[in-house]
Amino acid sequence: MKLNTDELLTELVNRSKESHTTISGYRSLDEEILNRKPTAESWSKLECLEHLNLYGDFYLPEIERSLLQAKRTSQPVFKPGVFGGYFTKLMQAKPDGSIKKMKSPADKNPAHSNLSVTTIERFLKQQEQLLRLLEMAKHVDLTHTKTSISISKMIKLRLGDTLRFYVYHIERHILQAERI
């Protein structure tokens, strides 16, 4: 499968803007609502966002590093890798909005955290940074530029796959937060 680079980046920008808009609306919610959990084992809206913030702490600097070190200029087509395609598919919500439940790594699990509305502002700042990085990505080769992943620095994904994974991961947890 090959993807048009411009169309891919436009899609990711649009999805990121939609995520930003959705979470901006959380600013008007009461902190009690933001911290409410449907069950003792599930996450609150703020815990969903904090989980994304923890991933952003890794992926945003990693994406920026790879963009700044990229040696090749933009190509019209992006070809997803085998692992990248697999990880991306795992993250994507199904057409009906359902998501496959997965266990989070301990260092990315915000359960039982003491969170406030600053979690929202941190998320929105990360989304703004992501939008700047997606703009920078228009000028590099998404297939040959590589990034590490959070579970192992030894595994490298194509930048295009990392961007897709990261944006779909955000969408996944916003869907989760919206259901609460």
Protein backbone atom coordinates (compact mmCIF):
# COMPACT_ATOMS: atom_id res chain seq x y z
CA MET A 1 0.00 0.00 0.00
CA LYS A 2 1.22 3.49 -0.83
CA LEU A 3 -0.19 6.76 0.47
CA ASN A 4 -0.03 10.21 -1.08
CA THR A 5 2.18 12.20 1.30
CA ASP A 6 0.26 15.47 1.01
CA GLU A 7 -3.08 13.73 1.57
CA LEU A 8 -1.71 11.81 4.56
CA LEU A 9 -0.34 14.93 6.24
CA THR A 10 -3.55 16.85 5.54
CA GLU A 11 -5.55 14.03 7.14
CA LEU A 12 -3.29 14.01 10.22
CA VAL A 13 -3.49 17.80 10.55
CA ASN A 14 -7.29 17.71 10.31
CA ARG A 15 -7.55 14.92 12.87
CA SER A 16 -5.20 16.80 15.22
CA LYS A 17 -7.20 20.02 14.88
CA GLU A 18 -10.38 18.10 15.65
CA SER A 19 -8.75 16.61 18.77
CA HIS A 20 -7.66 20.10 19.87
CA THR A 21 -11.19 21.45 19.37
CA THR A 22 -12.80 18.57 21.27
CA ILE A 23 -10.50 18.88 24.26
CA SER A 24 -10.72 22.69 24.28
CA GLY A 25 -14.37 22.12 25.17
CA TYR A 26 -13.27 20.33 28.35
CA ARG A 27 -12.12 23.69 29.75
CA SER A 28 -15.73 24.48 30.63
CA LEU A 29 -16.30 21.22 32.53
CA ASP A 30 -16.21 21.01 36.30
CA GLU A 31 -13.13 19.31 37.76
CA GLU A 32 -15.37 16.75 39.49
CA ILE A 33 -16.77 15.70 36.10
CA LEU A 34 -13.28 15.57 34.60
CA ASN A 35 -12.09 13.25 37.40
CA ARG A 36 -15.20 11.01 37.47
CA LYS A 37 -14.61 7.32 36.67
CA PRO A 38 -17.33 4.96 35.44
CA THR A 39 -15.72 2.12 37.45
CA ALA A 40 -12.82 1.87 39.90
CA GLU A 41 -10.63 0.22 37.23
CA SER A 42 -11.39 2.65 34.41
CA TRP A 43 -9.86 6.06 33.71
CA SER A 44 -11.39 9.49 34.09
CA LYS A 45 -11.37 12.06 31.27
CA LEU A 46 -8.27 13.67 32.81
CA GLU A 47 -6.51 10.32 33.15
CA CYS A 48 -7.13 9.67 29.44
CA LEU A 49 -5.52 13.03 28.66
CA GLU A 50 -2.63 12.48 31.07
CA HIS A 51 -1.93 9.15 29.38
CA LEU A 52 -1.66 11.05 26.09
CA ASN A 53 0.55 13.68 27.73
CA LEU A 54 2.93 10.96 28.92
CA TYR A 55 3.19 9.60 25.38
CA GLY A 56 3.64 13.13 24.06
CA ASP A 57 6.59 13.59 26.41
CA PHE A 58 8.34 10.83 24.46
CA TYR A 59 7.02 11.12 20.92
CA LEU A 60 7.06 14.88 20.35
CA PRO A 61 10.80 15.32 21.06
CA GLU A 62 11.53 12.09 19.14
CA ILE A 63 9.57 13.27 16.09
CA GLU A 64 11.22 16.69 16.24
CA ARG A 65 14.68 15.11 16.49
CA SER A 66 14.03 12.95 13.44
CA LEU A 67 12.68 15.92 11.46
CA LEU A 68 15.72 18.05 12.27
CA GLN A 69 18.12 15.22 11.36
CA ALA A 70 16.31 14.15 8.17
CA LYS A 71 18.65 13.90 5.20
CA ARG A 72 16.08 13.47 2.44
CA THR A 73 13.51 15.89 1.14
CA SER A 74 9.81 15.23 0.79
CA GLN A 75 8.64 12.49 -1.56
CA PRO A 76 5.16 12.39 -3.17
CA VAL A 77 4.41 8.90 -1.81
CA PHE A 78 4.73 7.34 1.65
CA LYS A 79 5.04 3.57 1.92
CA PRO A 80 4.06 2.25 5.38
CA GLY A 81 6.33 -0.36 6.94
CA VAL A 82 5.23 -3.77 8.20
CA PHE A 83 5.57 -2.95 11.92
CA GLY A 84 4.33 0.60 11.47
CA GLY A 85 1.27 -0.59 9.61
CA TYR A 86 0.59 -3.14 12.35
CA PHE A 87 0.94 -0.62 15.21
CA THR A 88 -1.18 1.93 13.35
CA LYS A 89 -3.94 -0.59 12.74
CA LEU A 90 -3.91 -1.52 16.44
CA MET A 91 -4.50 2.11 17.38
CA GLN A 92 -7.21 2.96 14.89
CA ALA A 93 -10.81 2.99 16.02
CA LYS A 94 -13.16 0.83 14.00
CA PRO A 95 -15.67 2.63 11.74
CA ASP A 96 -18.32 2.28 14.48
CA GLY A 97 -16.01 4.10 16.92
CA SER A 98 -15.19 1.01 18.97
CA ILE A 99 -11.63 0.39 20.09
CA LYS A 100 -9.79 -2.77 21.04
CA LYS A 101 -8.95 -2.66 24.75
CA MET A 102 -5.22 -2.76 25.49
CA LYS A 103 -3.13 -2.64 28.65
CA SER A 104 -0.96 0.45 29.07
CA PRO A 105 2.69 0.20 30.09
CA ALA A 106 3.13 1.07 33.77
CA ASP A 107 5.09 4.25 33.00
CA LYS A 108 2.21 5.50 30.80
CA ASN A 109 -0.63 4.51 33.13
CA PRO A 110 -2.04 7.57 34.93
CA ALA A 111 -4.53 5.63 37.09
CA HIS A 112 -4.87 7.04 40.60
CA SER A 113 -3.09 10.26 39.63
CA ASN A 114 -4.05 13.53 41.26
CA LEU A 115 -4.96 15.57 38.18
CA SER A 116 -6.32 19.06 37.61
CA VAL A 117 -7.37 21.19 34.65
CA THR A 118 -3.69 21.89 33.96
CA THR A 119 -3.72 18.43 32.34
CA ILE A 120 -5.99 19.89 29.64
CA GLU A 121 -3.69 22.86 29.00
CA ARG A 122 -0.68 20.57 28.78
CA PHE A 123 -2.51 18.38 26.24
CA LEU A 124 -3.51 21.40 24.14
CA LYS A 125 0.07 22.69 24.10
CA GLN A 126 1.25 19.27 22.94
CA GLN A 127 -1.38 19.32 20.18
CA GLU A 128 -0.12 22.72 19.04
CA GLN A 129 3.42 21.35 18.98
CA LEU A 130 2.22 18.34 16.98
CA LEU A 131 0.63 20.66 14.40
CA ARG A 132 3.96 22.50 14.01
CA LEU A 133 5.77 19.18 13.57
CA LEU A 134 3.24 18.02 10.96
CA GLU A 135 3.96 21.23 9.06
CA MET A 136 7.71 20.49 9.24
CA ALA A 137 7.03 16.93 8.04
CA LYS A 138 5.90 18.31 4.67
CA HIS A 139 9.57 18.89 3.87
CA VAL A 140 11.08 15.48 4.68
CA ASP A 141 10.87 11.93 3.35
CA LEU A 142 8.37 10.14 5.60
CA THR A 143 9.47 6.70 4.41
CA HIS A 144 13.24 6.95 4.92
CA THR A 145 13.27 9.15 8.03
CA LYS A 146 13.14 6.91 11.13
CA THR A 147 12.05 7.33 14.75
CA SER A 148 12.42 5.22 17.86
CA ILE A 149 9.30 3.98 19.63
CA SER A 150 8.46 4.33 23.31
CA ILE A 151 8.65 0.62 24.17
CA SER A 152 12.14 0.10 22.68
CA LYS A 153 14.79 2.44 21.32
CA MET A 154 16.05 -0.53 19.29
CA ILE A 155 12.92 -0.64 17.13
CA LYS A 156 12.69 2.10 14.51
CA LEU A 157 9.59 3.05 12.58
CA ARG A 158 9.22 5.19 9.49
CA LEU A 159 8.35 8.74 10.44
CA GLY A 160 5.07 8.51 8.52
CA ASP A 161 4.09 5.44 10.54
CA THR A 162 5.02 7.13 13.82
CA LEU A 163 2.92 10.17 12.92
CA ARG A 164 -0.05 7.98 11.99
CA PHE A 165 0.31 5.85 15.14
CA TYR A 166 0.60 8.92 17.37
CA VAL A 167 -2.40 10.77 15.90
CA TYR A 168 -4.60 7.64 15.92
CA HIS A 169 -3.54 6.92 19.51
CA ILE A 170 -4.71 10.39 20.49
CA GLU A 171 -8.05 9.86 18.74
CA ARG A 172 -8.46 6.50 20.45
CA HIS A 173 -8.21 7.98 23.93
CA ILE A 174 -10.34 11.01 23.11
CA LEU A 175 -13.07 8.58 22.06
CA GLN A 176 -12.55 6.85 25.40
CA ALA A 177 -12.78 10.17 27.29
CA GLU A 178 -15.90 11.18 25.38
CA ARG A 179 -17.68 8.00 26.49
CA ILE A 180 -17.20 8.87 30.16
